Amino acid sequence: MIKKMSNDELEKNCLFLIGKTCSDLGQPNKSDEDKLQLSLSLSIDLKTRYSKFNWEIVELAFEDGVRDSEEFHLCPRNWCKWLNTMKTKIWNGWHNQENGNAHLINKRLQRILSTQKLIN
């Protein structure tokens, strides 16, 4: 869970994720200072808004956001959309599991649901 990660570990993971996402979005020329600033902002958002997510959920939210979104700019507004969309997918996944519709959930999300107990 995000809330159990040390600040150093979280910031390091965020910096790597920001760099990867910039590259995926075709923005590899962002300065190191910009990437660092974005990673610090992301780490704060994760600690304060998404502390019950595990890191795999965050990575999947960013992967899906880059691939499924019409937003091609990395900023807090967009990653909050991506993370909130993932939260909705998880809630819908739990609902589908409880109603016998597990076949509607993608495999990676099923694995996450088997370990993730509560998101609020």
PDB file of N, CA and C in Angstrom:
ATOM      1  N   MET A   1       0.831  -1.194   0.000  1.00  0.00           N
ATOM      2  CA  MET A   1       0.000   0.000   0.000  1.00  0.00           C
ATOM      3  C   MET A   1       0.869   1.248   0.000  1.00  0.00           C
ATOM      4  N   ILE A   2       0.365   2.269  -0.640  1.00  0.00           N
ATOM      5  CA  ILE A   2       1.099   3.526  -0.736  1.00  0.00           C
ATOM      6  C   ILE A   2       1.406   4.081   0.654  1.00  0.00           C
ATOM      7  N   LYS A   3       0.439   4.015   1.562  1.00  0.00           N
ATOM      8  CA  LYS A   3       0.664   4.621   2.882  1.00  0.00           C
ATOM      9  C   LYS A   3       1.746   3.910   3.686  1.00  0.00           C
ATOM     10  N   LYS A   4       2.104   2.697   3.295  1.00  0.00           N
ATOM     11  CA  LYS A   4       3.154   1.959   3.997  1.00  0.00           C
ATOM     12  C   LYS A   4       4.530   2.150   3.371  1.00  0.00           C
ATOM     13  N   MET A   5       4.591   2.817   2.218  1.00  0.00           N
ATOM     14  CA  MET A   5       5.876   3.050   1.546  1.00  0.00           C
ATOM     15  C   MET A   5       6.592   4.230   2.198  1.00  0.00           C
ATOM     16  N   SER A   6       7.905   4.155   2.251  1.00  0.00           N
ATOM     17  CA  SER A   6       8.672   5.303   2.741  1.00  0.00           C
ATOM     18  C   SER A   6       8.588   6.422   1.704  1.00  0.00           C
ATOM     19  N   ASN A   7       8.776   7.657   2.143  1.00  0.00           N
ATOM     20  CA  ASN A   7       8.732   8.788   1.218  1.00  0.00           C
ATOM     21  C   ASN A   7       9.801   8.665   0.140  1.00  0.00           C
ATOM     22  N   ASP A   8      10.998   8.218   0.510  1.00  0.00           N
ATOM     23  CA  ASP A   8      12.078   8.056  -0.464  1.00  0.00           C
ATOM     24  C   ASP A   8      11.720   7.025  -1.530  1.00  0.00           C
ATOM     25  N   GLU A   9      11.185   5.894  -1.093  1.00  0.00           N
ATOM     26  CA  GLU A   9      10.808   4.835  -2.030  1.00  0.00           C
ATOM     27  C   GLU A   9       9.687   5.320  -2.958  1.00  0.00           C
ATOM     28  N   LEU A  10       8.699   5.987  -2.385  1.00  0.00           N
ATOM     29  CA  LEU A  10       7.580   6.490  -3.182  1.00  0.00           C
ATOM     30  C   LEU A  10       8.056   7.523  -4.201  1.00  0.00           C
ATOM     31  N   GLU A  11       8.893   8.455  -3.767  1.00  0.00           N
ATOM     32  CA  GLU A  11       9.390   9.493  -4.678  1.00  0.00           C
ATOM     33  C   GLU A  11      10.239   8.891  -5.800  1.00  0.00           C
ATOM     34  N   LYS A  12      11.038   7.882  -5.478  1.00  0.00           N
ATOM     35  CA  LYS A  12      11.856   7.213  -6.488  1.00  0.00           C
ATOM     36  C   LYS A  12      10.952   6.508  -7.511  1.00  0.00           C
ATOM     37  N   ASN A  13       9.948   5.783  -7.020  1.00  0.00           N
ATOM     38  CA  ASN A  13       9.009   5.103  -7.919  1.00  0.00           C
ATOM     39  C   ASN A  13       8.250   6.108  -8.780  1.00  0.00           C
ATOM     40  N   CYS A  14       7.850   7.227  -8.181  1.00  0.00           N
ATOM     41  CA  CYS A  14       7.123   8.253  -8.922  1.00  0.00           C
ATOM     42  C   CYS A  14       7.990   8.872 -10.011  1.00  0.00           C
ATOM     43  N   LEU A  15       9.249   9.115  -9.692  1.00  0.00           N
ATOM     44  CA  LEU A  15      10.159   9.696 -10.683  1.00  0.00           C
ATOM     45  C   LEU A  15      10.324   8.750 -11.876  1.00  0.00           C
ATOM     46  N   PHE A  16      10.488   7.468 -11.604  1.00  0.00           N
ATOM     47  CA  PHE A  16      10.595   6.487 -12.689  1.00  0.00           C
ATOM     48  C   PHE A  16       9.307   6.448 -13.514  1.00  0.00           C
ATOM     49  N   LEU A  17       8.151   6.444 -12.828  1.00  0.00           N
ATOM     50  CA  LEU A  17       6.862   6.387 -13.518  1.00  0.00           C
ATOM     51  C   LEU A  17       6.624   7.635 -14.359  1.00  0.00           C
ATOM     52  N   ILE A  18       6.992   8.792 -13.846  1.00  0.00           N
ATOM     53  CA  ILE A  18       6.850  10.045 -14.599  1.00  0.00           C
ATOM     54  C   ILE A  18       7.713   9.993 -15.862  1.00  0.00           C
ATOM     55  N   GLY A  19       8.949   9.543 -15.723  1.00  0.00           N
ATOM     56  CA  GLY A  19       9.833   9.435 -16.886  1.00  0.00           C
ATOM     57  C   GLY A  19       9.275   8.488 -17.937  1.00  0.00           C
ATOM     58  N   LYS A  20       8.790   7.330 -17.501  1.00  0.00           N
ATOM     59  CA  LYS A  20       8.223   6.345 -18.421  1.00  0.00           C
ATOM     60  C   LYS A  20       6.980   6.908 -19.100  1.00  0.00           C
ATOM     61  N   THR A  21       6.133   7.569 -18.337  1.00  0.00           N
ATOM     62  CA  THR A  21       4.889   8.113 -18.879  1.00  0.00           C
ATOM     63  C   THR A  21       5.173   9.233 -19.874  1.00  0.00           C
ATOM     64  N   CYS A  22       6.127  10.094 -19.563  1.00  0.00           N
ATOM     65  CA  CYS A  22       6.510  11.155 -20.512  1.00  0.00           C
ATOM     66  C   CYS A  22       6.963  10.542 -21.827  1.00  0.00           C
ATOM     67  N   SER A  23       7.764   9.507 -21.735  1.00  0.00           N
ATOM     68  CA  SER A  23       8.240   8.828 -22.933  1.00  0.00           C
ATOM     69  C   SER A  23       7.076   8.205 -23.704  1.00  0.00           C
ATOM     70  N   ASP A  24       6.166   7.536 -22.984  1.00  0.00           N
ATOM     71  CA  ASP A  24       5.004   6.915 -23.619  1.00  0.00           C
ATOM     72  C   ASP A  24       4.105   7.942 -24.306  1.00  0.00           C
ATOM     73  N   LEU A  25       4.042   9.136 -23.741  1.00  0.00           N
ATOM     74  CA  LEU A  25       3.207  10.197 -24.316  1.00  0.00           C
ATOM     75  C   LEU A  25       3.919  10.974 -25.422  1.00  0.00           C
ATOM     76  N   GLY A  26       5.160  10.617 -25.681  1.00  0.00           N
ATOM     77  CA  GLY A  26       5.918  11.318 -26.709  1.00  0.00           C
ATOM     78  C   GLY A  26       6.454  12.654 -26.233  1.00  0.00           C
ATOM     79  N   GLN A  27       6.717  12.772 -24.924  1.00  0.00           N
ATOM     80  CA  GLN A  27       7.251  13.993 -24.326  1.00  0.00           C
ATOM     81  C   GLN A  27       8.592  13.708 -23.640  1.00  0.00           C
ATOM     82  N   PRO A  28       9.535  13.060 -24.313  1.00  0.00           N
ATOM     83  CA  PRO A  28      10.784  12.682 -23.638  1.00  0.00           C
ATOM     84  C   PRO A  28      11.701  13.863 -23.352  1.00  0.00           C
ATOM     85  N   ASN A  29      11.390  15.039 -23.872  1.00  0.00           N
ATOM     86  CA  ASN A  29      12.280  16.191 -23.713  1.00  0.00           C
ATOM     87  C   ASN A  29      11.981  17.034 -22.478  1.00  0.00           C
ATOM     88  N   LYS A  30      11.108  16.577 -21.600  1.00  0.00           N
ATOM     89  CA  LYS A  30      10.872  17.320 -20.364  1.00  0.00           C
ATOM     90  C   LYS A  30      12.181  17.387 -19.576  1.00  0.00           C
ATOM     91  N   SER A  31      12.418  18.511 -18.973  1.00  0.00           N
ATOM     92  CA  SER A  31      13.655  18.671 -18.209  1.00  0.00           C
ATOM     93  C   SER A  31      13.616  17.798 -16.950  1.00  0.00           C
ATOM     94  N   ASP A  32      14.792  17.485 -16.442  1.00  0.00           N
ATOM     95  CA  ASP A  32      14.875  16.706 -15.208  1.00  0.00           C
ATOM     96  C   ASP A  32      14.188  17.431 -14.061  1.00  0.00           C
ATOM     97  N   GLU A  33      14.299  18.750 -14.048  1.00  0.00           N
ATOM     98  CA  GLU A  33      13.653  19.544 -13.003  1.00  0.00           C
ATOM     99  C   GLU A  33      12.129  19.415 -13.085  1.00  0.00           C
ATOM    100  N   ASP A  34      11.585  19.452 -14.300  1.00  0.00           N
ATOM    101  CA  ASP A  34      10.135  19.289 -14.481  1.00  0.00           C
ATOM    102  C   ASP A  34       9.680  17.908 -14.025  1.00  0.00           C
ATOM    103  N   LYS A  35      10.453  16.881 -14.406  1.00  0.00           N
ATOM    104  CA  LYS A  35      10.109  15.517 -14.007  1.00  0.00           C
ATOM    105  C   LYS A  35      10.155  15.358 -12.494  1.00  0.00           C
ATOM    106  N   LEU A  36      11.163  15.960 -11.868  1.00  0.00           N
ATOM    107  CA  LEU A  36      11.274  15.893 -10.416  1.00  0.00           C
ATOM    108  C   LEU A  36      10.087  16.586  -9.751  1.00  0.00           C
ATOM    109  N   GLN A  37       9.722  17.753 -10.252  1.00  0.00           N
ATOM    110  CA  GLN A  37       8.586  18.493  -9.695  1.00  0.00           C
ATOM    111  C   GLN A  37       7.290  17.698  -9.851  1.00  0.00           C
ATOM    112  N   LEU A  38       7.076  17.101 -11.022  1.00  0.00           N
ATOM    113  CA  LEU A  38       5.887  16.277 -11.245  1.00  0.00           C
ATOM    114  C   LEU A  38       5.877  15.056 -10.336  1.00  0.00           C
ATOM    115  N   SER A  39       7.038  14.435 -10.149  1.00  0.00           N
ATOM    116  CA  SER A  39       7.093  13.248  -9.295  1.00  0.00           C
ATOM    117  C   SER A  39       6.796  13.592  -7.831  1.00  0.00           C
ATOM    118  N   LEU A  40       7.255  14.739  -7.373  1.00  0.00           N
ATOM    119  CA  LEU A  40       6.940  15.161  -6.002  1.00  0.00           C
ATOM    120  C   LEU A  40       5.454  15.432  -5.849  1.00  0.00           C
ATOM    121  N   SER A  41       4.869  16.061  -6.861  1.00  0.00           N
ATOM    122  CA  SER A  41       3.432  16.324  -6.839  1.00  0.00           C
ATOM    123  C   SER A  41       2.639  15.020  -6.860  1.00  0.00           C
ATOM    124  N   LEU A  42       3.073  14.078  -7.691  1.00  0.00           N
ATOM    125  CA  LEU A  42       2.405  12.775  -7.735  1.00  0.00           C
ATOM    126  C   LEU A  42       2.522  12.060  -6.403  1.00  0.00           C
ATOM    127  N   SER A  43       3.681  12.087  -5.785  1.00  0.00           N
ATOM    128  CA  SER A  43       3.845  11.384  -4.508  1.00  0.00           C
ATOM    129  C   SER A  43       2.930  11.973  -3.437  1.00  0.00           C
ATOM    130  N   ILE A  44       2.748  13.279  -3.448  1.00  0.00           N
ATOM    131  CA  ILE A  44       1.833  13.923  -2.494  1.00  0.00           C
ATOM    132  C   ILE A  44       0.394  13.487  -2.762  1.00  0.00           C
ATOM    133  N   ASP A  45       0.001  13.487  -4.043  1.00  0.00           N
ATOM    134  CA  ASP A  45      -1.354  13.035  -4.382  1.00  0.00           C
ATOM    135  C   ASP A  45      -1.588  11.590  -3.960  1.00  0.00           C
ATOM    136  N   LEU A  46      -0.600  10.748  -4.198  1.00  0.00           N
ATOM    137  CA  LEU A  46      -0.754   9.339  -3.827  1.00  0.00           C
ATOM    138  C   LEU A  46      -0.873   9.174  -2.314  1.00  0.00           C
ATOM    139  N   LYS A  47      -0.062   9.902  -1.557  1.00  0.00           N
ATOM    140  CA  LYS A  47      -0.114   9.803  -0.086  1.00  0.00           C
ATOM    141  C   LYS A  47      -1.429  10.348   0.481  1.00  0.00           C
ATOM    142  N   THR A  48      -1.943  11.416  -0.128  1.00  0.00           N
ATOM    143  CA  THR A  48      -3.121  12.071   0.445  1.00  0.00           C
ATOM    144  C   THR A  48      -4.447  11.589  -0.138  1.00  0.00           C
ATOM    145  N   ARG A  49      -4.474  11.188  -1.400  1.00  0.00           N
ATOM    146  CA  ARG A  49      -5.736  10.830  -2.053  1.00  0.00           C
ATOM    147  C   ARG A  49      -5.890   9.346  -2.348  1.00  0.00           C
ATOM    148  N   TYR A  50      -4.789   8.644  -2.523  1.00  0.00           N
ATOM    149  CA  TYR A  50      -4.843   7.256  -2.980  1.00  0.00           C
ATOM    150  C   TYR A  50      -3.969   6.361  -2.114  1.00  0.00           C
ATOM    151  N   SER A  51      -3.935   6.614  -0.834  1.00  0.00           N
ATOM    152  CA  SER A  51      -3.006   5.922   0.067  1.00  0.00           C
ATOM    153  C   SER A  51      -3.296   4.437   0.207  1.00  0.00           C
ATOM    154  N   LYS A  52      -4.498   4.001  -0.137  1.00  0.00           N
ATOM    155  CA  LYS A  52      -4.827   2.577  -0.011  1.00  0.00           C
ATOM    156  C   LYS A  52      -4.586   1.796  -1.297  1.00  0.00           C
ATOM    157  N   PHE A  53      -4.149   2.481  -2.340  1.00  0.00           N
ATOM    158  CA  PHE A  53      -3.752   1.789  -3.564  1.00  0.00           C
ATOM    159  C   PHE A  53      -2.416   1.096  -3.320  1.00  0.00           C
ATOM    160  N   ASN A  54      -2.187  -0.011  -4.018  1.00  0.00           N
ATOM    161  CA  ASN A  54      -0.830  -0.547  -4.031  1.00  0.00           C
ATOM    162  C   ASN A  54      -0.153  -0.030  -5.297  1.00  0.00           C
ATOM    163  N   TRP A  55       1.153  -0.204  -5.386  1.00  0.00           N
ATOM    164  CA  TRP A  55       1.905   0.392  -6.493  1.00  0.00           C
ATOM    165  C   TRP A  55       1.471  -0.182  -7.837  1.00  0.00           C
ATOM    166  N   GLU A  56       1.125  -1.452  -7.873  1.00  0.00           N
ATOM    167  CA  GLU A  56       0.700  -2.075  -9.128  1.00  0.00           C
ATOM    168  C   GLU A  56      -0.558  -1.394  -9.687  1.00  0.00           C
ATOM    169  N   ILE A  57      -1.447  -0.965  -8.817  1.00  0.00           N
ATOM    170  CA  ILE A  57      -2.650  -0.245  -9.253  1.00  0.00           C
ATOM    171  C   ILE A  57      -2.263   1.083  -9.899  1.00  0.00           C
ATOM    172  N   VAL A  58      -1.323   1.781  -9.287  1.00  0.00           N
ATOM    173  CA  VAL A  58      -0.871   3.068  -9.829  1.00  0.00           C
ATOM    174  C   VAL A  58      -0.266   2.870 -11.218  1.00  0.00           C
ATOM    175  N   GLU A  59       0.601   1.875 -11.348  1.00  0.00           N
ATOM    176  CA  GLU A  59       1.215   1.602 -12.653  1.00  0.00           C
ATOM    177  C   GLU A  59       0.166   1.259 -13.707  1.00  0.00           C
ATOM    178  N   LEU A  60      -0.803   0.436 -13.342  1.00  0.00           N
ATOM    179  CA  LEU A  60      -1.857   0.057 -14.284  1.00  0.00           C
ATOM    180  C   LEU A  60      -2.717   1.263 -14.663  1.00  0.00           C
ATOM    181  N   ALA A  61      -2.992   2.134 -13.704  1.00  0.00           N
ATOM    182  CA  ALA A  61      -3.768   3.343 -13.995  1.00  0.00           C
ATOM    183  C   ALA A  61      -3.049   4.229 -15.006  1.00  0.00           C
ATOM    184  N   PHE A  62      -1.750   4.378 -14.848  1.00  0.00           N
ATOM    185  CA  PHE A  62      -0.972   5.191 -15.784  1.00  0.00           C
ATOM    186  C   PHE A  62      -0.885   4.521 -17.158  1.00  0.00           C
ATOM    187  N   GLU A  63      -0.666   3.199 -17.178  1.00  0.00           N
ATOM    188  CA  GLU A  63      -0.631   2.488 -18.457  1.00  0.00           C
ATOM    189  C   GLU A  63      -1.948   2.646 -19.205  1.00  0.00           C
ATOM    190  N   ASP A  64      -3.056   2.410 -18.499  1.00  0.00           N
ATOM    191  CA  ASP A  64      -4.371   2.549 -19.127  1.00  0.00           C
ATOM    192  C   ASP A  64      -4.639   3.997 -19.529  1.00  0.00           C
ATOM    193  N   GLY A  65      -4.231   4.931 -18.678  1.00  0.00           N
ATOM    194  CA  GLY A  65      -4.454   6.346 -18.971  1.00  0.00           C
ATOM    195  C   GLY A  65      -3.758   6.788 -20.241  1.00  0.00           C
ATOM    196  N   VAL A  66      -2.527   6.363 -20.413  1.00  0.00           N
ATOM    197  CA  VAL A  66      -1.765   6.721 -21.614  1.00  0.00           C
ATOM    198  C   VAL A  66      -2.408   6.099 -22.853  1.00  0.00           C
ATOM    199  N   ARG A  67      -2.862   4.881 -22.732  1.00  0.00           N
ATOM    200  CA  ARG A  67      -3.377   4.162 -23.895  1.00  0.00           C
ATOM    201  C   ARG A  67      -4.845   4.438 -24.198  1.00  0.00           C
ATOM    202  N   ASP A  68      -5.640   4.742 -23.192  1.00  0.00           N
ATOM    203  CA  ASP A  68      -7.093   4.854 -23.387  1.00  0.00           C
ATOM    204  C   ASP A  68      -7.619   6.277 -23.336  1.00  0.00           C
ATOM    205  N   SER A  69      -6.760   7.230 -23.079  1.00  0.00           N
ATOM    206  CA  SER A  69      -7.203   8.605 -22.861  1.00  0.00           C
ATOM    207  C   SER A  69      -6.960   9.471 -24.091  1.00  0.00           C
ATOM    208  N   GLU A  70      -7.709  10.518 -24.175  1.00  0.00           N
ATOM    209  CA  GLU A  70      -7.486  11.532 -25.207  1.00  0.00           C
ATOM    210  C   GLU A  70      -6.565  12.635 -24.687  1.00  0.00           C
ATOM    211  N   GLU A  71      -6.102  12.481 -23.456  1.00  0.00           N
ATOM    212  CA  GLU A  71      -5.238  13.466 -22.817  1.00  0.00           C
ATOM    213  C   GLU A  71      -3.781  13.101 -23.084  1.00  0.00           C
ATOM    214  N   PHE A  72      -3.077  13.934 -23.807  1.00  0.00           N
ATOM    215  CA  PHE A  72      -1.688  13.629 -24.158  1.00  0.00           C
ATOM    216  C   PHE A  72      -0.707  14.579 -23.478  1.00  0.00           C
ATOM    217  N   HIS A  73      -1.071  15.011 -22.288  1.00  0.00           N
ATOM    218  CA  HIS A  73      -0.229  15.915 -21.520  1.00  0.00           C
ATOM    219  C   HIS A  73      -0.198  15.397 -20.095  1.00  0.00           C
ATOM    220  N   LEU A  74       0.980  15.269 -19.526  1.00  0.00           N
ATOM    221  CA  LEU A  74       1.111  14.756 -18.172  1.00  0.00           C
ATOM    222  C   LEU A  74       1.030  15.898 -17.177  1.00  0.00           C
ATOM    223  N   CYS A  75      -0.016  15.862 -16.361  1.00  0.00           N
ATOM    224  CA  CYS A  75      -0.206  16.875 -15.320  1.00  0.00           C
ATOM    225  C   CYS A  75      -1.085  16.255 -14.229  1.00  0.00           C
ATOM    226  N   PRO A  76      -1.136  16.876 -13.050  1.00  0.00           N
ATOM    227  CA  PRO A  76      -1.931  16.314 -11.956  1.00  0.00           C
ATOM    228  C   PRO A  76      -3.405  16.082 -12.322  1.00  0.00           C
ATOM    229  N   ARG A  77      -3.968  16.976 -13.078  1.00  0.00           N
ATOM    230  CA  ARG A  77      -5.376  16.825 -13.459  1.00  0.00           C
ATOM    231  C   ARG A  77      -5.592  15.496 -14.193  1.00  0.00           C
ATOM    232  N   ASN A  78      -4.698  15.187 -15.123  1.00  0.00           N
ATOM    233  CA  ASN A  78      -4.860  13.964 -15.908  1.00  0.00           C
ATOM    234  C   ASN A  78      -4.576  12.712 -15.092  1.00  0.00           C
ATOM    235  N   TRP A  79      -3.510  12.726 -14.273  1.00  0.00           N
ATOM    236  CA  TRP A  79      -3.259  11.499 -13.524  1.00  0.00           C
ATOM    237  C   TRP A  79      -4.327  11.260 -12.468  1.00  0.00           C
ATOM    238  N   CYS A  80      -4.949  12.309 -11.949  1.00  0.00           N
ATOM    239  CA  CYS A  80      -6.079  12.098 -11.029  1.00  0.00           C
ATOM    240  C   CYS A  80      -7.263  11.477 -11.770  1.00  0.00           C
ATOM    241  N   LYS A  81      -7.497  11.886 -13.013  1.00  0.00           N
ATOM    242  CA  LYS A  81      -8.538  11.239 -13.826  1.00  0.00           C
ATOM    243  C   LYS A  81      -8.220   9.756 -13.997  1.00  0.00           C
ATOM    244  N   TRP A  82      -6.956   9.452 -14.327  1.00  0.00           N
ATOM    245  CA  TRP A  82      -6.560   8.064 -14.556  1.00  0.00           C
ATOM    246  C   TRP A  82      -6.710   7.230 -13.285  1.00  0.00           C
ATOM    247  N   LEU A  83      -6.293   7.781 -12.153  1.00  0.00           N
ATOM    248  CA  LEU A  83      -6.382   7.050 -10.882  1.00  0.00           C
ATOM    249  C   LEU A  83      -7.838   6.880 -10.444  1.00  0.00           C
ATOM    250  N   ASN A  84      -8.663   7.894 -10.664  1.00  0.00           N
ATOM    251  CA  ASN A  84     -10.084   7.772 -10.327  1.00  0.00           C
ATOM    252  C   ASN A  84     -10.784   6.773 -11.246  1.00  0.00           C
ATOM    253  N   THR A  85     -10.392   6.730 -12.500  1.00  0.00           N
ATOM    254  CA  THR A  85     -10.933   5.730 -13.423  1.00  0.00           C
ATOM    255  C   THR A  85     -10.563   4.334 -12.942  1.00  0.00           C
ATOM    256  N   MET A  86      -9.329   4.163 -12.481  1.00  0.00           N
ATOM    257  CA  MET A  86      -8.906   2.863 -11.961  1.00  0.00           C
ATOM    258  C   MET A  86      -9.701   2.499 -10.711  1.00  0.00           C
ATOM    259  N   LYS A  87      -9.958   3.470  -9.865  1.00  0.00           N
ATOM    260  CA  LYS A  87     -10.761   3.215  -8.666  1.00  0.00           C
ATOM    261  C   LYS A  87     -12.145   2.703  -9.072  1.00  0.00           C
ATOM    262  N   THR A  88     -12.740   3.309 -10.088  1.00  0.00           N
ATOM    263  CA  THR A  88     -14.047   2.876 -10.579  1.00  0.00           C
ATOM    264  C   THR A  88     -13.972   1.465 -11.156  1.00  0.00           C
ATOM    265  N   LYS A  89     -12.904   1.175 -11.911  1.00  0.00           N
ATOM    266  CA  LYS A  89     -12.728  -0.176 -12.463  1.00  0.00           C
ATOM    267  C   LYS A  89     -12.633  -1.213 -11.344  1.00  0.00           C
ATOM    268  N   ILE A  90     -11.956  -0.857 -10.261  1.00  0.00           N
ATOM    269  CA  ILE A  90     -11.818  -1.791  -9.135  1.00  0.00           C
ATOM    270  C   ILE A  90     -13.167  -2.017  -8.470  1.00  0.00           C
ATOM    271  N   TRP A  91     -13.897  -0.948  -8.217  1.00  0.00           N
ATOM    272  CA  TRP A  91     -15.233  -1.097  -7.617  1.00  0.00           C
ATOM    273  C   TRP A  91     -16.133  -1.937  -8.517  1.00  0.00           C
ATOM    274  N   ASN A  92     -16.110  -1.669  -9.827  1.00  0.00           N
ATOM    275  CA  ASN A  92     -16.913  -2.457 -10.769  1.00  0.00           C
ATOM    276  C   ASN A  92     -16.447  -3.910 -10.804  1.00  0.00           C
ATOM    277  N   GLY A  93     -15.145  -4.115 -10.693  1.00  0.00           N
ATOM    278  CA  GLY A  93     -14.610  -5.474 -10.657  1.00  0.00           C
ATOM    279  C   GLY A  93     -15.108  -6.245  -9.447  1.00  0.00           C
ATOM    280  N   TRP A  94     -15.100  -5.597  -8.284  1.00  0.00           N
ATOM    281  CA  TRP A  94     -15.633  -6.254  -7.088  1.00  0.00           C
ATOM    282  C   TRP A  94     -17.109  -6.597  -7.275  1.00  0.00           C
ATOM    283  N   HIS A  95     -17.857  -5.666  -7.846  1.00  0.00           N
ATOM    284  CA  HIS A  95     -19.284  -5.892  -8.098  1.00  0.00           C
ATOM    285  C   HIS A  95     -19.465  -7.091  -9.037  1.00  0.00           C
ATOM    286  N   ASN A  96     -18.676  -7.140 -10.108  1.00  0.00           N
ATOM    287  CA  ASN A  96     -18.787  -8.253 -11.046  1.00  0.00           C
ATOM    288  C   ASN A  96     -18.399  -9.582 -10.401  1.00  0.00           C
ATOM    289  N   GLN A  97     -17.382  -9.566  -9.549  1.00  0.00           N
ATOM    290  CA  GLN A  97     -16.992 -10.796  -8.848  1.00  0.00           C
ATOM    291  C   GLN A  97     -18.125 -11.299  -7.959  1.00  0.00           C
ATOM    292  N   GLU A  98     -18.735 -10.379  -7.223  1.00  0.00           N
ATOM    293  CA  GLU A  98     -19.809 -10.765  -6.304  1.00  0.00           C
ATOM    294  C   GLU A  98     -21.036 -11.279  -7.031  1.00  0.00           C
ATOM    295  N   ASN A  99     -21.226 -10.865  -8.266  1.00  0.00           N
ATOM    296  CA  ASN A  99     -22.404 -11.263  -9.032  1.00  0.00           C
ATOM    297  C   ASN A  99     -22.099 -12.338 -10.066  1.00  0.00           C
ATOM    298  N   GLY A 100     -20.951 -12.986  -9.942  1.00  0.00           N
ATOM    299  CA  GLY A 100     -20.623 -14.103 -10.814  1.00  0.00           C
ATOM    300  C   GLY A 100     -20.234 -13.719 -12.233  1.00  0.00           C
ATOM    301  N   ASN A 101     -19.771 -12.497 -12.414  1.00  0.00           N
ATOM    302  CA  ASN A 101     -19.377 -12.035 -13.745  1.00  0.00           C
ATOM    303  C   ASN A 101     -17.878 -11.774 -13.836  1.00  0.00           C
ATOM    304  N   ALA A 102     -17.090 -12.633 -13.244  1.00  0.00           N
ATOM    305  CA  ALA A 102     -15.641 -12.436 -13.223  1.00  0.00           C
ATOM    306  C   ALA A 102     -15.040 -12.438 -14.625  1.00  0.00           C
ATOM    307  N   HIS A 103     -15.727 -13.055 -15.580  1.00  0.00           N
ATOM    308  CA  HIS A 103     -15.222 -13.087 -16.956  1.00  0.00           C
ATOM    309  C   HIS A 103     -15.178 -11.693 -17.588  1.00  0.00           C
ATOM    310  N   LEU A 104     -15.846 -10.716 -16.994  1.00  0.00           N
ATOM    311  CA  LEU A 104     -15.851  -9.347 -17.510  1.00  0.00           C
ATOM    312  C   LEU A 104     -14.644  -8.534 -17.051  1.00  0.00           C
ATOM    313  N   ILE A 105     -13.817  -9.097 -16.173  1.00  0.00           N
ATOM    314  CA  ILE A 105     -12.692  -8.379 -15.584  1.00  0.00           C
ATOM    315  C   ILE A 105     -11.411  -8.835 -16.266  1.00  0.00           C
ATOM    316  N   ASN A 106     -10.549  -7.870 -16.682  1.00  0.00           N
ATOM    317  CA  ASN A 106      -9.297  -8.284 -17.324  1.00  0.00           C
ATOM    318  C   ASN A 106      -8.394  -8.988 -16.307  1.00  0.00           C
ATOM    319  N   LYS A 107      -7.488  -9.805 -16.828  1.00  0.00           N
ATOM    320  CA  LYS A 107      -6.679 -10.695 -15.984  1.00  0.00           C
ATOM    321  C   LYS A 107      -5.823  -9.940 -14.974  1.00  0.00           C
ATOM    322  N   ARG A 108      -5.197  -8.853 -15.402  1.00  0.00           N
ATOM    323  CA  ARG A 108      -4.330  -8.116 -14.480  1.00  0.00           C
ATOM    324  C   ARG A 108      -5.151  -7.502 -13.350  1.00  0.00           C
ATOM    325  N   LEU A 109      -6.327  -6.989 -13.672  1.00  0.00           N
ATOM    326  CA  LEU A 109      -7.191  -6.415 -12.644  1.00  0.00           C
ATOM    327  C   LEU A 109      -7.716  -7.510 -11.716  1.00  0.00           C
ATOM    328  N   GLN A 110      -7.986  -8.691 -12.241  1.00  0.00           N
ATOM    329  CA  GLN A 110      -8.409  -9.804 -11.382  1.00  0.00           C
ATOM    330  C   GLN A 110      -7.344 -10.124 -10.339  1.00  0.00           C
ATOM    331  N   ARG A 111      -6.077 -10.118 -10.760  1.00  0.00           N
ATOM    332  CA  ARG A 111      -4.983 -10.402  -9.822  1.00  0.00           C
ATOM    333  C   ARG A 111      -4.923  -9.327  -8.736  1.00  0.00           C
ATOM    334  N   ILE A 112      -5.125  -8.083  -9.124  1.00  0.00           N
ATOM    335  CA  ILE A 112      -5.121  -6.997  -8.152  1.00  0.00           C
ATOM    336  C   ILE A 112      -6.281  -7.150  -7.174  1.00  0.00           C
ATOM    337  N   LEU A 113      -7.452  -7.477  -7.697  1.00  0.00           N
ATOM    338  CA  LEU A 113      -8.630  -7.634  -6.841  1.00  0.00           C
ATOM    339  C   LEU A 113      -8.465  -8.748  -5.821  1.00  0.00           C
ATOM    340  N   SER A 114      -7.677  -9.747  -6.166  1.00  0.00           N
ATOM    341  CA  SER A 114      -7.492 -10.844  -5.230  1.00  0.00           C
ATOM    342  C   SER A 114      -6.653 -10.447  -4.021  1.00  0.00           C
ATOM    343  N   THR A 115      -5.881  -9.347  -4.155  1.00  0.00           N
ATOM    344  CA  THR A 115      -5.043  -8.907  -3.037  1.00  0.00           C
ATOM    345  C   THR A 115      -5.508  -7.599  -2.428  1.00  0.00           C
ATOM    346  N   GLN A 116      -6.229  -6.782  -3.161  1.00  0.00           N
ATOM    347  CA  GLN A 116      -6.665  -5.475  -2.691  1.00  0.00           C
ATOM    348  C   GLN A 116      -7.992  -5.619  -1.958  1.00  0.00           C
ATOM    349  N   LYS A 117      -8.041  -5.162  -0.724  1.00  0.00           N
ATOM    350  CA  LYS A 117      -9.247  -5.372   0.086  1.00  0.00           C
ATOM    351  C   LYS A 117     -10.163  -4.151   0.165  1.00  0.00           C
ATOM    352  N   LEU A 118      -9.605  -2.968   0.268  1.00  0.00           N
ATOM    353  CA  LEU A 118     -10.455  -1.799   0.455  1.00  0.00           C
ATOM    354  C   LEU A 118      -9.823  -0.576  -0.174  1.00  0.00           C
ATOM    355  N   ILE A 119     -10.611   0.144  -0.913  1.00  0.00           N
ATOM    356  CA  ILE A 119     -10.189   1.427  -1.477  1.00  0.00           C
ATOM    357  C   ILE A 119     -11.294   2.403  -1.179  1.00  0.00           C
ATOM    358  N   ASN A 120     -10.920   3.558  -0.630  1.00  0.00           N
ATOM    359  CA  ASN A 120     -11.947   4.585  -0.402  1.00  0.00           C
ATOM    360  C   ASN A 120     -11.479   5.903  -0.887  1.00  0.00           C
TER     361      ASN A 120
END
